Amino acid sequence: MDRDLISIQEARDLIKRAKEAQLKLSRLSQKELDEIVKSMAEEAYKNSERLAEMAVLETGFGRYEDKIIKNKFASKTVYENIENVKTIGILRRDDEKKIIEIGVPVGVIAALIPSTNPTSTTIYKALIAIKSGNSIVFSPHPSAAKCILETAKILEEAAKRVGAPYGIIGCIENPTMEATSELMKHKDVALILATGGSAMVRAAYSSGKPALGVGPGNVPAFIERTADIPLAVKRIIESKTFDNGTICASEQAIVTEECIKEKVKNELIMQGGYFLNEEEARKVERVLVNPCGGLNPKIVGQPATKIAKMADIKIPDNVKVLIKEEEGVGREFPFSMEKLSPILAFYTEKNWEKACERCIEILNYGGLGHTLVIHSNNEEVIMEFAMKKPVSRLLVNTPASQGAIGATTNLQPALTLGCGSIGGSSTSDNVGPLHLINIRRIAYGVKEAKELFNEEFENVLDLDYLKN
């Protein structure tokens, strides 16, 4: 049998089922939707450990303990944030301007799920989709299909137990590129929610459908001279080693100033960083990059000790992060790219102005619009960075992985992080349920047409200009 044809038909069947279910879902009240979402969140939370284990065993990426945290974040933290958000019906009434805003679901959502954060992203996307009255069909990454499918089944069963219509959550069991393409381009799909690699996100935006997507994040972390250096290093190590660096918001490079370089290096070494010498760096480069110049998927989400073993270099057992002092940015400097593993590039600049330029250079190499971190107690420098950096999130004194998703900051808790127009995204927000609705506005007349150009209004115009 032709697997691609089978998968295409499966996608069509799931979309048909989802459309029928969404019509029924659209008749439910906000209270009924909220009960469904609560049931889903509770069941996902209960299964956090099992789903984390499935994800690690199937993909080989990341750390079991951290994937549990991500699953609990996606269920409990996301749910608590959206619990009291009103998404359908009358959202706002402005009696003075005589405008009423009504929330309307978009319909069927196509959701693309990556292999790096498979179960947590599935939980998160399902919750925000159903919260906003939409049905959702998942297209899983082939290397994470089993754990994503199991997550979708758990969520759908939890939804059905409290009265949700059959078919509001679907997942392609035989994922192929053809099935994903069919899902994204199908006439009954209203919107695409894409998280993953650049090629997949570009495909979503070129499908002809409205899309919310985010791709890579080549995140620099600047340690400025007024920073609490031990605390800044602690935060960076905690972030970079979280799930072995699989979150796209994790730091990819440290940039610091000459005057504190040795303090920063010594602190990194004390806290588990290992600076590669030139020979060791060349060996790591060979396993870091594939023959085409891209990231080698075999190192993604692996601990530093395993990557060192793959590169045939010996490091102490307590090493948490591999670090390479780098001189430039671009293809000829492999450590400057997004690495999705506990590997960091290290840059030293004369002052914060030069560091600012270096950070922009790093962002231009695969991280535009995503995230930048600054560790500093100088508000003037912080604001200079905020005004100049081409990012959607500038994080201050916080770990990037946890800060960008809203775990250690008050940003919207989310696992899809918009990169704005500069990053090729249609939003710069952390995506939530209000991004998945349309706003219908009722506007009452407040004046008659003949009042538009009354004498008082004409007096403020340059009538000679209008006549000419």
Protein backbone atom coordinates (compact mmCIF):
# COMPACT_ATOMS: atom_id res chain seq x y z
CA MET A 1 0.00 0.00 0.00
CA ASP A 2 1.11 3.58 -0.67
CA ARG A 3 1.84 5.10 2.73
CA ASP A 4 1.60 8.65 1.43
CA LEU A 5 -1.87 8.10 -0.05
CA ILE A 6 -3.07 6.43 3.14
CA SER A 7 -1.79 9.33 5.23
CA ILE A 8 -3.42 11.91 2.94
CA GLN A 9 -6.76 10.17 3.28
CA GLU A 10 -6.29 9.96 7.03
CA ALA A 11 -5.68 13.72 7.18
CA ARG A 12 -8.86 14.35 5.17
CA ASP A 13 -10.91 12.09 7.44
CA LEU A 14 -9.59 13.79 10.57
CA ILE A 15 -10.36 17.24 9.16
CA LYS A 16 -13.92 16.19 8.26
CA ARG A 17 -14.44 14.82 11.75
CA ALA A 18 -12.92 17.94 13.31
CA LYS A 19 -15.13 20.26 11.28
CA GLU A 20 -18.28 18.44 12.36
CA ALA A 21 -17.11 18.47 15.97
CA GLN A 22 -16.25 22.17 15.87
CA LEU A 23 -19.76 23.06 14.70
CA LYS A 24 -21.11 21.34 17.82
CA LEU A 25 -18.39 22.90 19.97
CA SER A 26 -19.34 26.37 18.73
CA ARG A 27 -22.79 25.97 20.31
CA LEU A 28 -21.36 25.47 23.79
CA SER A 29 -21.18 28.20 26.40
CA GLN A 30 -17.96 29.57 27.86
CA LYS A 31 -18.68 27.64 31.05
CA GLU A 32 -19.04 24.36 29.15
CA LEU A 33 -15.83 25.00 27.22
CA ASP A 34 -14.02 25.77 30.46
CA GLU A 35 -15.17 22.47 32.00
CA ILE A 36 -13.76 20.59 29.01
CA VAL A 37 -10.42 22.41 29.21
CA LYS A 38 -10.19 21.79 32.95
CA SER A 39 -10.74 18.06 32.45
CA MET A 40 -8.06 17.97 29.74
CA ALA A 41 -5.55 19.88 31.86
CA GLU A 42 -6.10 17.66 34.90
CA GLU A 43 -5.70 14.45 32.89
CA ALA A 44 -2.58 15.73 31.15
CA TYR A 45 -1.07 16.68 34.50
CA LYS A 46 -1.78 13.19 35.88
CA ASN A 47 0.00 11.64 32.91
CA SER A 48 2.98 14.03 32.91
CA GLU A 49 5.50 11.41 34.01
CA ARG A 50 4.32 8.67 31.68
CA LEU A 51 4.25 10.98 28.67
CA ALA A 52 7.71 12.33 29.54
CA GLU A 53 9.10 8.82 29.62
CA MET A 54 7.49 8.01 26.27
CA ALA A 55 8.95 11.15 24.70
CA VAL A 56 12.50 10.44 25.86
CA LEU A 57 12.38 6.77 24.86
CA GLU A 58 10.97 7.49 21.42
CA THR A 59 13.01 10.55 20.42
CA GLY A 60 16.19 10.12 22.46
CA PHE A 61 16.11 13.88 23.13
CA GLY A 62 16.34 15.65 26.46
CA ARG A 63 16.00 14.65 30.09
CA TYR A 64 13.10 12.68 31.55
CA GLU A 65 12.93 14.86 34.70
CA ASP A 66 12.77 18.07 32.70
CA LYS A 67 10.17 16.75 30.30
CA ILE A 68 7.96 16.07 33.33
CA ILE A 69 8.34 19.72 34.29
CA LYS A 70 7.48 20.82 30.75
CA ASN A 71 4.38 18.62 30.69
CA LYS A 72 3.25 20.01 34.04
CA PHE A 73 3.95 23.55 32.85
CA ALA A 74 1.94 22.93 29.66
CA SER A 75 -1.01 21.57 31.63
CA LYS A 76 -1.12 23.27 35.04
CA THR A 77 0.61 26.63 34.43
CA VAL A 78 -0.96 27.23 31.02
CA TYR A 79 -4.38 26.21 32.34
CA GLU A 80 -4.17 28.50 35.38
CA ASN A 81 -3.23 31.39 33.11
CA ILE A 82 -6.16 30.91 30.70
CA GLU A 83 -8.72 29.61 33.21
CA ASN A 84 -10.59 32.90 33.63
CA VAL A 85 -9.96 34.31 30.15
CA LYS A 86 -13.15 34.92 28.20
CA THR A 87 -12.78 33.81 24.59
CA ILE A 88 -16.31 33.49 23.14
CA GLY A 89 -19.46 35.57 23.30
CA ILE A 90 -19.35 39.19 24.43
CA LEU A 91 -15.76 40.03 25.34
CA ARG A 92 -16.04 43.80 25.75
CA ARG A 93 -18.78 46.41 25.76
CA ASP A 94 -17.97 50.10 25.34
CA ASP A 95 -21.20 51.95 26.10
CA GLU A 96 -19.62 55.34 25.48
CA LYS A 97 -18.42 54.51 21.96
CA LYS A 98 -21.32 52.08 21.39
CA ILE A 99 -19.13 49.18 20.30
CA ILE A 100 -19.52 45.56 21.39
CA GLU A 101 -16.80 42.97 20.73
CA ILE A 102 -17.73 39.31 20.34
CA GLY A 103 -15.26 36.42 20.32
CA VAL A 104 -15.75 33.90 17.51
CA PRO A 105 -13.73 30.65 17.06
CA VAL A 106 -11.73 30.41 13.84
CA GLY A 107 -12.74 26.75 13.22
CA VAL A 108 -10.40 23.82 12.58
CA ILE A 109 -6.77 24.35 13.58
CA ALA A 110 -3.89 22.40 12.07
CA ALA A 111 -1.11 21.99 14.63
CA LEU A 112 2.44 20.97 13.68
CA ILE A 113 4.36 19.40 16.59
CA PRO A 114 8.18 19.13 16.85
CA SER A 115 10.18 16.18 18.17
CA THR A 116 12.11 18.29 20.69
CA ASN A 117 9.10 19.18 22.86
CA PRO A 118 6.47 16.74 21.61
CA THR A 119 4.10 15.97 24.49
CA SER A 120 4.23 19.38 26.20
CA THR A 121 3.55 21.25 22.94
CA THR A 122 0.62 18.94 22.17
CA ILE A 123 -0.92 19.57 25.61
CA TYR A 124 -0.45 23.32 25.34
CA LYS A 125 -1.87 23.65 21.83
CA ALA A 126 -4.88 21.47 22.60
CA LEU A 127 -5.75 23.53 25.69
CA ILE A 128 -5.61 26.92 23.95
CA ALA A 129 -7.48 25.60 20.90
CA ILE A 130 -10.40 24.11 22.82
CA LYS A 131 -10.47 27.06 25.24
CA SER A 132 -11.20 29.29 22.24
CA GLY A 133 -13.89 27.00 20.82
CA ASN A 134 -11.84 25.41 18.04
CA SER A 135 -11.13 21.82 17.13
CA ILE A 136 -7.54 20.77 16.43
CA VAL A 137 -5.76 18.20 14.27
CA PHE A 138 -2.13 17.37 15.02
CA SER A 139 0.58 16.57 12.52
CA PRO A 140 3.34 14.95 14.59
CA HIS A 141 7.02 14.85 13.76
CA PRO A 142 7.59 11.25 12.54
CA SER A 143 10.25 10.58 15.17
CA ALA A 144 7.82 11.49 17.96
CA ALA A 145 4.57 10.17 16.48
CA LYS A 146 3.77 7.61 19.19
CA CYS A 147 4.07 9.91 22.20
CA ILE A 148 2.21 12.73 20.42
CA LEU A 149 -0.60 10.37 19.41
CA GLU A 150 -0.89 9.05 22.96
CA THR A 151 -1.03 12.60 24.32
CA ALA A 152 -3.79 13.51 21.85
CA LYS A 153 -5.80 10.40 22.82
CA ILE A 154 -5.52 11.19 26.53
CA LEU A 155 -6.71 14.74 25.92
CA GLU A 156 -9.62 13.71 23.71
CA GLU A 157 -10.83 11.07 26.17
CA ALA A 158 -10.71 13.62 28.99
CA ALA A 159 -12.69 16.07 26.87
CA LYS A 160 -15.33 13.52 25.88
CA ARG A 161 -15.90 12.53 29.51
CA VAL A 162 -17.36 15.96 30.22
CA GLY A 163 -19.48 16.25 27.11
CA ALA A 164 -17.13 17.33 24.33
CA PRO A 165 -18.17 16.14 20.84
CA TYR A 166 -16.24 13.29 19.25
CA GLY A 167 -13.53 14.53 16.92
CA ILE A 168 -12.48 17.83 18.51
CA ILE A 169 -8.92 16.49 18.87
CA GLY A 170 -7.32 14.42 16.12
CA CYS A 171 -3.81 13.23 15.34
CA ILE A 172 -2.35 11.76 12.15
CA GLU A 173 -1.19 8.22 12.97
CA ASN A 174 0.83 7.80 9.76
CA PRO A 175 2.70 11.10 9.45
CA THR A 176 4.17 11.95 6.07
CA MET A 177 5.11 15.19 4.34
CA GLU A 178 2.15 14.64 2.02
CA ALA A 179 -0.28 14.35 4.94
CA THR A 180 1.10 17.49 6.56
CA SER A 181 0.78 19.37 3.28
CA GLU A 182 -2.81 18.18 2.88
CA LEU A 183 -3.59 19.24 6.43
CA MET A 184 -2.15 22.72 5.96
CA LYS A 185 -3.79 23.37 2.58
CA HIS A 186 -7.21 21.76 3.13
CA LYS A 187 -10.14 24.12 2.53
CA ASP A 188 -11.73 23.28 5.89
CA VAL A 189 -8.65 24.20 7.93
CA ALA A 190 -8.92 27.75 9.21
CA LEU A 191 -5.52 28.34 10.77
CA ILE A 192 -2.11 26.69 11.18
CA LEU A 193 -0.30 26.65 14.52
CA ALA A 194 3.28 25.70 13.65
CA THR A 195 6.21 25.03 15.97
CA GLY A 196 9.43 23.49 14.71
CA GLY A 197 12.21 23.88 12.18
CA SER A 198 12.56 26.71 9.69
CA ALA A 199 11.48 24.65 6.68
CA MET A 200 8.28 23.52 8.35
CA VAL A 201 7.36 27.01 9.51
CA ARG A 202 8.06 28.43 6.03
CA ALA A 203 5.81 25.75 4.55
CA ALA A 204 3.04 26.77 6.95
CA TYR A 205 3.30 30.42 5.93
CA SER A 206 3.40 29.55 2.23
CA SER A 207 0.36 27.25 2.41
CA GLY A 208 -2.09 30.05 1.68
CA LYS A 209 -3.66 29.74 5.14
CA PRO A 210 -3.40 32.10 8.09
CA ALA A 211 -0.56 30.80 10.26
CA LEU A 212 1.02 31.39 13.64
CA GLY A 213 4.49 29.95 13.67
CA VAL A 214 7.90 30.14 15.20
CA GLY A 215 11.17 28.67 14.06
CA PRO A 216 14.72 28.79 15.45
CA GLY A 217 16.00 31.11 18.16
CA ASN A 218 19.73 31.80 18.15
CA VAL A 219 19.61 33.43 21.59
CA PRO A 220 22.57 35.50 22.89
CA ALA A 221 23.02 36.17 26.62
CA PHE A 222 24.94 39.34 27.50
CA ILE A 223 26.64 39.52 30.90
CA GLU A 224 27.26 43.22 31.55
CA ARG A 225 29.86 44.51 34.03
CA THR A 226 27.28 45.41 36.72
CA ALA A 227 25.74 41.94 36.73
CA ASP A 228 25.82 39.54 39.65
CA ILE A 229 28.22 37.21 37.82
CA PRO A 230 27.75 34.03 39.89
CA LEU A 231 23.96 34.40 39.69
CA ALA A 232 24.02 35.20 35.96
CA VAL A 233 26.15 32.10 35.25
CA LYS A 234 23.88 29.98 37.45
CA ARG A 235 20.84 31.09 35.48
CA ILE A 236 22.52 30.45 32.13
CA ILE A 237 23.68 26.95 33.14
CA GLU A 238 20.23 26.09 34.52
CA SER A 239 18.63 27.24 31.29
CA LYS A 240 21.11 25.66 28.89
CA THR A 241 21.01 22.27 30.59
CA PHE A 242 17.20 22.25 31.00
CA ASP A 243 16.04 19.29 28.89
CA ASN A 244 19.56 19.35 27.43
CA GLY A 245 18.93 22.59 25.53
CA THR A 246 15.95 21.52 23.41
CA ILE A 247 13.85 24.63 24.07
CA CYS A 248 14.31 27.08 21.19
CA ALA A 249 14.66 29.97 23.65
CA SER A 250 17.72 28.48 25.35
CA GLU A 251 20.95 30.48 25.24
CA GLN A 252 23.27 29.75 22.31
CA ALA A 253 26.05 32.23 23.09
CA ILE A 254 27.43 34.24 25.98
CA VAL A 255 28.69 37.75 25.23
CA THR A 256 30.59 39.62 27.90
CA GLU A 257 32.96 42.58 28.40
CA GLU A 258 36.76 42.45 28.54
CA CYS A 259 36.88 43.91 32.05
CA ILE A 260 34.98 40.95 33.53
CA LYS A 261 35.99 38.22 31.08
CA GLU A 262 38.17 36.22 33.50
CA LYS A 263 35.60 36.43 36.29
CA VAL A 264 32.91 35.11 33.97
CA LYS A 265 35.14 32.32 32.64
CA ASN A 266 36.19 31.23 36.12
CA GLU A 267 32.59 31.21 37.30
CA LEU A 268 31.51 29.15 34.29
CA ILE A 269 34.22 26.59 35.03
CA MET A 270 33.24 26.46 38.72
CA GLN A 271 29.61 25.81 37.80
CA GLY A 272 30.19 23.06 35.25
CA GLY A 273 31.33 24.78 32.08
CA TYR A 274 34.22 23.32 30.08
CA PHE A 275 36.21 25.52 27.69
CA LEU A 276 37.35 23.54 24.66
CA ASN A 277 40.88 24.00 23.36
CA GLU A 278 41.40 24.34 19.61
CA GLU A 279 41.92 20.63 18.97
CA GLU A 280 38.91 19.65 21.07
CA ALA A 281 36.79 22.32 19.37
CA ARG A 282 37.64 20.93 15.91
CA LYS A 283 36.58 17.46 17.05
CA VAL A 284 33.30 18.76 18.45
CA GLU A 285 32.70 20.69 15.22
CA ARG A 286 32.80 17.42 13.30
CA VAL A 287 29.87 16.04 15.31
CA LEU A 288 28.11 19.40 15.64
CA VAL A 289 27.62 19.96 11.92
CA ASN A 290 26.24 17.59 9.29
CA PRO A 291 27.77 17.30 5.78
CA CYS A 292 25.42 20.00 4.46
CA GLY A 293 26.51 22.51 7.07
CA GLY A 294 23.42 22.23 9.24
CA LEU A 295 22.99 20.98 12.80
CA ASN A 296 23.65 17.27 13.28
CA PRO A 297 20.40 15.86 14.77
CA LYS A 298 22.38 13.18 16.63
CA ILE A 299 23.64 15.73 19.18
CA VAL A 300 20.26 17.42 19.75
CA GLY A 301 19.10 17.10 23.34
CA GLN A 302 22.14 15.09 24.44
CA PRO A 303 24.17 15.78 27.60
CA ALA A 304 27.59 17.40 27.30
CA THR A 305 29.39 14.20 28.39
CA LYS A 306 27.74 12.19 25.62
CA ILE A 307 28.57 14.80 22.98
CA ALA A 308 32.19 14.79 24.17
CA LYS A 309 32.27 11.02 23.85
CA MET A 310 30.85 11.25 20.32
CA ALA A 311 33.63 13.73 19.50
CA ASP A 312 36.26 11.45 21.07
CA ILE A 313 37.42 13.96 23.67
CA LYS A 314 37.84 13.38 27.39
CA ILE A 315 36.20 15.73 29.86
CA PRO A 316 35.43 15.50 33.59
CA ASP A 317 32.21 13.67 34.48
CA ASN A 318 30.77 16.74 36.19
CA VAL A 319 30.84 18.93 33.04
CA LYS A 320 27.42 20.34 32.19
CA VAL A 321 28.13 22.60 29.20
CA LEU A 322 30.78 22.65 26.45
CA ILE A 323 32.04 26.17 25.64
CA LYS A 324 34.06 27.46 22.70
CA GLU A 325 35.67 30.91 22.68
CA GLU A 326 34.59 32.22 19.30
CA GLU A 327 35.82 35.05 17.09
CA GLY A 328 33.11 35.38 14.49
CA VAL A 329 29.56 34.57 13.41
CA GLY A 330 28.41 32.63 10.35
CA ARG A 331 28.80 29.30 8.56
CA GLU A 332 32.57 29.29 9.02
CA PHE A 333 32.02 29.54 12.79
CA PRO A 334 29.78 26.52 13.59
CA PHE A 335 29.54 27.28 17.30
CA SER A 336 27.73 30.53 16.45
CA MET A 337 24.59 28.78 15.21
CA GLU A 338 21.61 27.42 17.15
CA LYS A 339 22.77 24.14 18.69
CA LEU A 340 19.77 22.71 20.67
CA SER A 341 22.20 21.04 23.06
CA PRO A 342 24.39 22.08 26.03
CA ILE A 343 27.00 23.83 23.86
CA LEU A 344 27.74 27.55 24.03
CA ALA A 345 29.79 30.02 22.03
CA PHE A 346 31.67 32.59 24.14
CA TYR A 347 32.42 36.13 22.92
CA THR A 348 34.38 38.93 24.58
CA GLU A 349 33.86 42.56 23.54
CA LYS A 350 35.51 45.82 24.62
CA ASN A 351 32.36 47.42 26.03
CA TRP A 352 28.58 47.11 26.08
CA GLU A 353 28.23 49.03 22.79
CA LYS A 354 30.40 46.44 21.00
CA ALA A 355 28.58 43.66 22.83
CA CYS A 356 25.31 45.10 21.56
CA GLU A 357 26.58 44.90 17.98
CA ARG A 358 27.78 41.31 18.51
CA CYS A 359 24.39 40.26 19.86
CA ILE A 360 22.67 41.71 16.80
CA GLU A 361 25.13 39.82 14.57
CA ILE A 362 24.27 36.55 16.36
CA LEU A 363 20.53 37.24 16.07
CA ASN A 364 20.93 37.91 12.36
CA TYR A 365 22.38 34.42 12.04
CA GLY A 366 19.17 32.48 12.64
CA GLY A 367 17.58 34.22 15.62
CA LEU A 368 15.86 37.36 14.34
CA GLY A 369 12.76 38.31 16.24
CA HIS A 370 13.07 35.64 18.92
CA THR A 371 14.76 36.33 22.28
CA LEU A 372 17.77 38.00 23.88
CA VAL A 373 18.87 37.92 27.52
CA ILE A 374 20.77 40.58 29.42
CA HIS A 375 22.23 40.13 32.89
CA SER A 376 22.77 43.63 34.26
CA ASN A 377 21.90 46.05 37.04
CA ASN A 378 22.36 49.08 34.83
CA GLU A 379 18.88 50.22 33.72
CA GLU A 380 20.34 52.59 31.14
CA VAL A 381 22.18 49.76 29.36
CA ILE A 382 19.14 47.51 29.65
CA MET A 383 16.96 50.11 27.92
CA GLU A 384 19.58 50.70 25.23
CA PHE A 385 19.47 46.99 24.46
CA ALA A 386 15.68 47.00 24.50
CA MET A 387 15.52 49.84 21.97
CA LYS A 388 18.04 48.37 19.53
CA LYS A 389 17.65 44.59 19.54
CA PRO A 390 15.59 42.93 16.77
CA VAL A 391 13.80 40.59 19.21
CA SER A 392 10.27 40.06 20.52
CA ARG A 393 11.41 39.18 24.04
CA LEU A 394 14.23 40.92 25.91
CA LEU A 395 14.69 39.01 29.16
CA VAL A 396 16.43 40.63 32.11
CA ASN A 397 18.21 38.66 34.84
CA THR A 398 16.42 35.38 34.22
CA PRO A 399 17.18 32.04 32.52
CA ALA A 400 16.19 32.23 28.86
CA SER A 401 14.48 28.84 28.49
CA GLN A 402 12.21 29.35 31.46
CA GLY A 403 11.85 33.13 31.08
CA ALA A 404 10.77 33.21 27.45
CA ILE A 405 7.97 30.67 27.93
CA GLY A 406 6.59 32.58 30.90
CA ALA A 407 7.73 30.24 33.68
CA THR A 408 10.11 32.65 35.48
CA THR A 409 8.58 35.85 34.06
CA ASN A 410 5.06 37.21 33.75
CA LEU A 411 4.94 36.66 30.01
CA GLN A 412 2.00 34.63 28.67
CA PRO A 413 2.81 30.97 29.46
CA ALA A 414 3.27 29.39 26.04
CA LEU A 415 5.30 26.94 23.99
CA THR A 416 4.84 28.78 20.70
CA LEU A 417 6.76 32.06 20.78
CA GLY A 418 6.08 34.51 17.99
CA CYS A 419 9.06 36.24 16.35
CA GLY A 420 7.25 39.18 14.76
CA SER A 421 7.50 40.25 11.16
CA ILE A 422 11.30 40.55 11.32
CA GLY A 423 11.44 36.83 12.19
CA GLY A 424 8.88 35.85 9.56
CA SER A 425 6.05 35.43 12.08
CA SER A 426 2.60 37.02 12.07
CA THR A 427 2.82 37.81 15.78
CA SER A 428 5.50 38.82 18.27
CA ASP A 429 3.49 37.47 21.20
CA ASN A 430 3.64 34.30 23.21
CA VAL A 431 0.65 32.61 21.58
CA GLY A 432 -2.47 32.09 23.69
CA PRO A 433 -6.19 31.37 23.14
CA LEU A 434 -7.02 34.95 22.17
CA HIS A 435 -4.79 34.52 19.10
CA LEU A 436 -7.12 31.73 17.94
CA ILE A 437 -10.35 33.70 17.69
CA ASN A 438 -11.82 36.32 15.42
CA ILE A 439 -13.36 39.47 16.89
CA ARG A 440 -16.79 40.41 15.59
CA ARG A 441 -17.67 44.03 16.34
CA ILE A 442 -21.13 45.50 16.69
CA ALA A 443 -20.92 49.22 16.00
CA TYR A 444 -23.94 51.50 16.58
CA GLY A 445 -24.31 54.67 14.58
CA VAL A 446 -23.37 57.78 16.54
CA LYS A 447 -23.94 60.46 13.88
CA GLU A 448 -25.78 60.97 10.62
CA ALA A 449 -23.97 61.12 7.30
CA LYS A 450 -24.92 64.76 6.74
CA GLU A 451 -23.09 65.64 9.94
CA LEU A 452 -19.74 64.51 8.55
CA PHE A 453 -18.92 67.82 6.90
CA ASN A 454 -20.70 70.39 9.00
CA GLU A 455 -19.62 74.01 9.20
CA GLU A 456 -17.64 73.56 12.39
CA PHE A 457 -15.61 70.74 10.83
CA GLU A 458 -14.98 72.66 7.61
CA ASN A 459 -13.55 75.60 9.54
CA VAL A 460 -10.57 73.53 10.60
CA LEU A 461 -9.76 72.47 7.05
CA ASP A 462 -7.64 74.33 4.54
CA LEU A 463 -10.44 74.76 1.99
CA ASP A 464 -8.17 76.50 -0.54
CA TYR A 465 -5.94 73.41 -0.47
CA LEU A 466 -8.96 71.12 -0.98
CA LYS A 467 -10.20 73.18 -3.92
CA ASN A 468 -6.79 73.01 -5.62
